[in-house]
Amino acid sequence: EEFWFGGGADLTPSFLFEEDAVEFHQALKQACDKHDPTYYCKFKPWCDEYFFIPHREEARGIGGIFFDDLCTRPSLAQSSLTDRQALLSFATDCL
């Protein structure tokens, strides 16, 4: 049976408070690191690129993470979980 997971999170505040941006990215990194220490560095640039506005030469918002087509278990997944359960756990931790 084939399956895959995709999702992400980004933040586009109306009023930017630096401490909120730092906390947001720290929370995403912690969620990623809990499952696979390579995830945050892999998924953050994808989101940054997606939300970059070329004609303004600026980003929309403060970024976040995007992921798609995940079908193999994260490196730190509990051995008792199936691949599907491990990926669902990662995706829900990023909400």
N, C-alpha and C. Protein backbone atom coordinates (compact mmCIF):
# COMPACT_ATOMS: atom_id res chain seq x y z
N GLU A 1 0.84 -1.18 0.00
CA GLU A 1 0.00 0.00 0.00
C GLU A 1 0.89 1.25 0.00
N GLU A 2 0.66 2.11 -0.95
CA GLU A 2 1.46 3.33 -1.04
C GLU A 2 0.86 4.45 -0.20
N PHE A 3 1.72 5.28 0.35
CA PHE A 3 1.30 6.45 1.12
C PHE A 3 2.44 7.45 1.12
N TRP A 4 2.12 8.68 1.46
CA TRP A 4 3.12 9.72 1.65
C TRP A 4 2.51 10.81 2.51
N PHE A 5 3.38 11.59 3.12
CA PHE A 5 2.94 12.71 3.94
C PHE A 5 3.55 13.99 3.40
N GLY A 6 2.79 15.06 3.49
CA GLY A 6 3.26 16.38 3.12
C GLY A 6 2.60 17.41 4.00
N GLY A 7 3.23 18.54 4.13
CA GLY A 7 2.64 19.60 4.95
C GLY A 7 3.65 20.70 5.20
N GLY A 8 3.40 21.43 6.23
CA GLY A 8 4.31 22.51 6.58
C GLY A 8 3.64 23.53 7.46
N ALA A 9 4.41 24.54 7.79
CA ALA A 9 3.92 25.64 8.62
C ALA A 9 4.75 26.88 8.27
N ASP A 10 4.07 28.00 8.20
CA ASP A 10 4.77 29.26 7.97
C ASP A 10 4.05 30.34 8.75
N LEU A 11 4.69 31.48 8.88
CA LEU A 11 4.13 32.57 9.67
C LEU A 11 4.29 33.88 8.91
N THR A 12 3.17 34.55 8.70
CA THR A 12 3.17 35.86 8.06
C THR A 12 2.43 36.83 8.98
N PRO A 13 3.16 37.39 9.94
CA PRO A 13 2.52 38.28 10.91
C PRO A 13 2.18 39.66 10.33
N SER A 14 1.11 40.24 10.83
CA SER A 14 0.77 41.61 10.45
C SER A 14 1.76 42.59 11.07
N PHE A 15 2.14 42.31 12.29
CA PHE A 15 3.14 43.11 12.99
C PHE A 15 4.22 42.16 13.48
N LEU A 16 5.44 42.38 13.05
CA LEU A 16 6.52 41.47 13.39
C LEU A 16 7.15 41.84 14.72
N PHE A 17 7.21 40.86 15.59
CA PHE A 17 7.94 40.97 16.85
C PHE A 17 9.06 39.93 16.77
N GLU A 18 10.28 40.39 16.84
CA GLU A 18 11.45 39.52 16.66
C GLU A 18 11.39 38.29 17.57
N GLU A 19 10.98 38.48 18.82
CA GLU A 19 10.94 37.35 19.75
C GLU A 19 9.93 36.28 19.31
N ASP A 20 8.86 36.68 18.65
CA ASP A 20 7.89 35.71 18.12
C ASP A 20 8.50 34.90 16.98
N ALA A 21 9.26 35.56 16.12
CA ALA A 21 9.90 34.87 15.00
C ALA A 21 10.91 33.85 15.51
N VAL A 22 11.70 34.25 16.49
CA VAL A 22 12.69 33.34 17.07
C VAL A 22 11.99 32.14 17.71
N GLU A 23 10.96 32.40 18.49
CA GLU A 23 10.24 31.31 19.16
C GLU A 23 9.58 30.37 18.15
N PHE A 24 9.01 30.92 17.09
CA PHE A 24 8.36 30.11 16.06
C PHE A 24 9.37 29.15 15.42
N HIS A 25 10.52 29.68 15.01
CA HIS A 25 11.52 28.82 14.37
C HIS A 25 12.15 27.84 15.35
N GLN A 26 12.31 28.22 16.59
CA GLN A 26 12.82 27.28 17.60
C GLN A 26 11.86 26.12 17.79
N ALA A 27 10.56 26.42 17.83
CA ALA A 27 9.55 25.37 18.01
C ALA A 27 9.55 24.42 16.82
N LEU A 28 9.65 24.96 15.60
CA LEU A 28 9.71 24.10 14.42
C LEU A 28 10.96 23.23 14.43
N LYS A 29 12.09 23.82 14.77
CA LYS A 29 13.34 23.06 14.80
C LYS A 29 13.27 21.96 15.84
N GLN A 30 12.71 22.24 17.00
CA GLN A 30 12.57 21.21 18.04
C GLN A 30 11.67 20.07 17.57
N ALA A 31 10.57 20.43 16.89
CA ALA A 31 9.66 19.39 16.38
C ALA A 31 10.38 18.53 15.34
N CYS A 32 11.14 19.17 14.46
CA CYS A 32 11.89 18.42 13.45
C CYS A 32 12.97 17.55 14.10
N ASP A 33 13.76 18.14 14.99
CA ASP A 33 14.87 17.42 15.61
C ASP A 33 14.41 16.22 16.41
N LYS A 34 13.21 16.28 16.95
CA LYS A 34 12.66 15.16 17.71
C LYS A 34 12.55 13.91 16.83
N HIS A 35 12.37 14.11 15.54
CA HIS A 35 12.15 12.99 14.62
C HIS A 35 13.34 12.71 13.72
N ASP A 36 14.04 13.74 13.27
CA ASP A 36 15.19 13.57 12.40
C ASP A 36 15.98 14.87 12.40
N PRO A 37 17.24 14.84 12.84
CA PRO A 37 18.02 16.08 12.94
C PRO A 37 18.33 16.75 11.61
N THR A 38 18.05 16.09 10.50
CA THR A 38 18.29 16.72 9.19
C THR A 38 17.06 17.45 8.66
N TYR A 39 15.91 17.23 9.26
CA TYR A 39 14.65 17.75 8.70
C TYR A 39 14.60 19.27 8.61
N TYR A 40 14.92 19.97 9.69
CA TYR A 40 14.76 21.43 9.69
C TYR A 40 15.62 22.07 8.60
N CYS A 41 16.88 21.68 8.51
CA CYS A 41 17.77 22.25 7.49
C CYS A 41 17.35 21.86 6.08
N LYS A 42 16.65 20.75 5.95
CA LYS A 42 16.19 20.31 4.64
C LYS A 42 14.89 21.02 4.24
N PHE A 43 13.99 21.23 5.19
CA PHE A 43 12.65 21.73 4.88
C PHE A 43 12.50 23.25 4.97
N LYS A 44 13.35 23.93 5.73
CA LYS A 44 13.26 25.39 5.85
C LYS A 44 13.56 26.10 4.53
N PRO A 45 14.64 25.76 3.81
CA PRO A 45 14.93 26.47 2.55
C PRO A 45 13.80 26.34 1.52
N TRP A 46 13.12 25.21 1.53
CA TRP A 46 12.01 25.00 0.60
C TRP A 46 10.92 26.04 0.85
N CYS A 47 10.59 26.27 2.10
CA CYS A 47 9.57 27.26 2.47
C CYS A 47 10.06 28.67 2.16
N ASP A 48 11.31 28.95 2.49
CA ASP A 48 11.88 30.29 2.22
C ASP A 48 11.81 30.61 0.73
N GLU A 49 12.15 29.64 -0.11
CA GLU A 49 12.12 29.86 -1.55
C GLU A 49 10.69 30.08 -2.04
N TYR A 50 9.76 29.31 -1.52
CA TYR A 50 8.37 29.41 -1.96
C TYR A 50 7.78 30.79 -1.66
N PHE A 51 8.13 31.36 -0.51
CA PHE A 51 7.55 32.63 -0.09
C PHE A 51 8.41 33.85 -0.45
N PHE A 52 9.41 33.67 -1.28
CA PHE A 52 10.20 34.80 -1.74
C PHE A 52 9.49 35.47 -2.91
N ILE A 53 9.38 36.80 -2.86
CA ILE A 53 8.71 37.58 -3.91
C ILE A 53 9.79 38.24 -4.76
N PRO A 54 10.09 37.66 -5.93
CA PRO A 54 11.22 38.14 -6.72
C PRO A 54 11.13 39.61 -7.13
N HIS A 55 9.98 40.06 -7.57
CA HIS A 55 9.90 41.45 -8.05
C HIS A 55 10.04 42.47 -6.92
N ARG A 56 9.84 42.04 -5.68
CA ARG A 56 10.07 42.93 -4.53
C ARG A 56 11.41 42.66 -3.87
N GLU A 57 12.02 41.54 -4.25
CA GLU A 57 13.26 41.10 -3.64
C GLU A 57 13.14 41.01 -2.12
N GLU A 58 12.03 40.40 -1.68
CA GLU A 58 11.81 40.22 -0.24
C GLU A 58 10.97 38.97 0.00
N ALA A 59 11.05 38.51 1.22
CA ALA A 59 10.25 37.35 1.63
C ALA A 59 8.90 37.81 2.14
N ARG A 60 7.91 36.98 1.92
CA ARG A 60 6.60 37.22 2.53
C ARG A 60 6.59 36.49 3.85
N GLY A 61 6.57 37.21 4.92
CA GLY A 61 6.56 36.60 6.25
C GLY A 61 7.95 36.20 6.71
N ILE A 62 7.96 35.34 7.71
CA ILE A 62 9.23 34.95 8.32
C ILE A 62 9.63 33.52 8.00
N GLY A 63 8.91 32.88 7.08
CA GLY A 63 9.28 31.53 6.68
C GLY A 63 8.69 30.46 7.57
N GLY A 64 9.26 29.29 7.47
CA GLY A 64 8.78 28.13 8.20
C GLY A 64 9.41 26.89 7.60
N ILE A 65 8.62 25.83 7.44
CA ILE A 65 9.10 24.60 6.80
C ILE A 65 8.02 24.06 5.86
N PHE A 66 8.45 23.42 4.80
CA PHE A 66 7.58 22.66 3.89
C PHE A 66 8.18 21.28 3.72
N PHE A 67 7.33 20.26 3.61
CA PHE A 67 7.80 18.92 3.28
C PHE A 67 6.74 18.23 2.45
N ASP A 68 7.18 17.30 1.62
CA ASP A 68 6.26 16.59 0.73
C ASP A 68 6.87 15.25 0.35
N ASP A 69 6.02 14.35 -0.05
CA ASP A 69 6.43 13.02 -0.52
C ASP A 69 7.25 12.24 0.51
N LEU A 70 6.97 12.44 1.80
CA LEU A 70 7.67 11.66 2.82
C LEU A 70 7.02 10.28 2.91
N CYS A 71 7.80 9.25 2.70
CA CYS A 71 7.25 7.90 2.79
C CYS A 71 8.18 6.95 3.53
N THR A 72 9.33 7.43 3.99
CA THR A 72 10.22 6.59 4.80
C THR A 72 10.34 7.19 6.19
N ARG A 73 10.50 6.33 7.14
CA ARG A 73 10.47 6.75 8.54
C ARG A 73 11.60 7.71 8.89
N PRO A 74 11.32 8.64 9.80
CA PRO A 74 12.37 9.54 10.29
C PRO A 74 13.45 8.73 11.01
N SER A 75 14.66 9.25 11.05
CA SER A 75 15.80 8.50 11.61
C SER A 75 15.65 8.20 13.11
N LEU A 76 14.95 9.05 13.84
CA LEU A 76 14.81 8.85 15.28
C LEU A 76 13.44 8.27 15.69
N ALA A 77 12.71 7.73 14.73
CA ALA A 77 11.38 7.19 15.02
C ALA A 77 11.48 6.01 15.98
N GLN A 78 10.49 5.91 16.86
CA GLN A 78 10.43 4.78 17.79
C GLN A 78 10.27 3.48 17.00
N SER A 79 11.00 2.48 17.39
CA SER A 79 10.97 1.22 16.65
C SER A 79 9.59 0.55 16.69
N SER A 80 8.77 0.90 17.67
CA SER A 80 7.45 0.29 17.79
C SER A 80 6.44 0.86 16.78
N LEU A 81 6.81 1.96 16.12
CA LEU A 81 5.90 2.60 15.18
C LEU A 81 6.14 2.11 13.76
N THR A 82 5.06 1.98 12.98
CA THR A 82 5.20 1.72 11.56
C THR A 82 5.71 3.00 10.88
N ASP A 83 6.16 2.90 9.63
CA ASP A 83 6.58 4.10 8.91
C ASP A 83 5.47 5.13 8.87
N ARG A 84 4.27 4.68 8.60
CA ARG A 84 3.12 5.58 8.51
C ARG A 84 2.86 6.28 9.85
N GLN A 85 2.90 5.53 10.94
CA GLN A 85 2.67 6.12 12.26
C GLN A 85 3.77 7.13 12.62
N ALA A 86 5.01 6.80 12.27
CA ALA A 86 6.14 7.68 12.58
C ALA A 86 6.02 9.00 11.81
N LEU A 87 5.64 8.92 10.54
CA LEU A 87 5.49 10.13 9.74
C LEU A 87 4.29 10.96 10.17
N LEU A 88 3.21 10.30 10.55
CA LEU A 88 2.05 11.02 11.07
C LEU A 88 2.42 11.75 12.35
N SER A 89 3.21 11.11 13.20
CA SER A 89 3.65 11.74 14.44
C SER A 89 4.47 13.00 14.13
N PHE A 90 5.38 12.90 13.17
CA PHE A 90 6.18 14.08 12.78
C PHE A 90 5.26 15.19 12.25
N ALA A 91 4.35 14.85 11.34
CA ALA A 91 3.48 15.86 10.73
C ALA A 91 2.62 16.57 11.77
N THR A 92 2.10 15.82 12.74
CA THR A 92 1.25 16.44 13.76
C THR A 92 2.08 17.26 14.75
N ASP A 93 3.31 16.86 15.01
CA ASP A 93 4.16 17.67 15.90
C ASP A 93 4.49 19.03 15.29
N CYS A 94 4.42 19.14 13.98
CA CYS A 94 4.74 20.40 13.30
C CYS A 94 3.56 21.36 13.25
N LEU A 95 2.40 20.94 13.73
CA LEU A 95 1.21 21.82 13.70
C LEU A 95 1.31 22.88 14.77
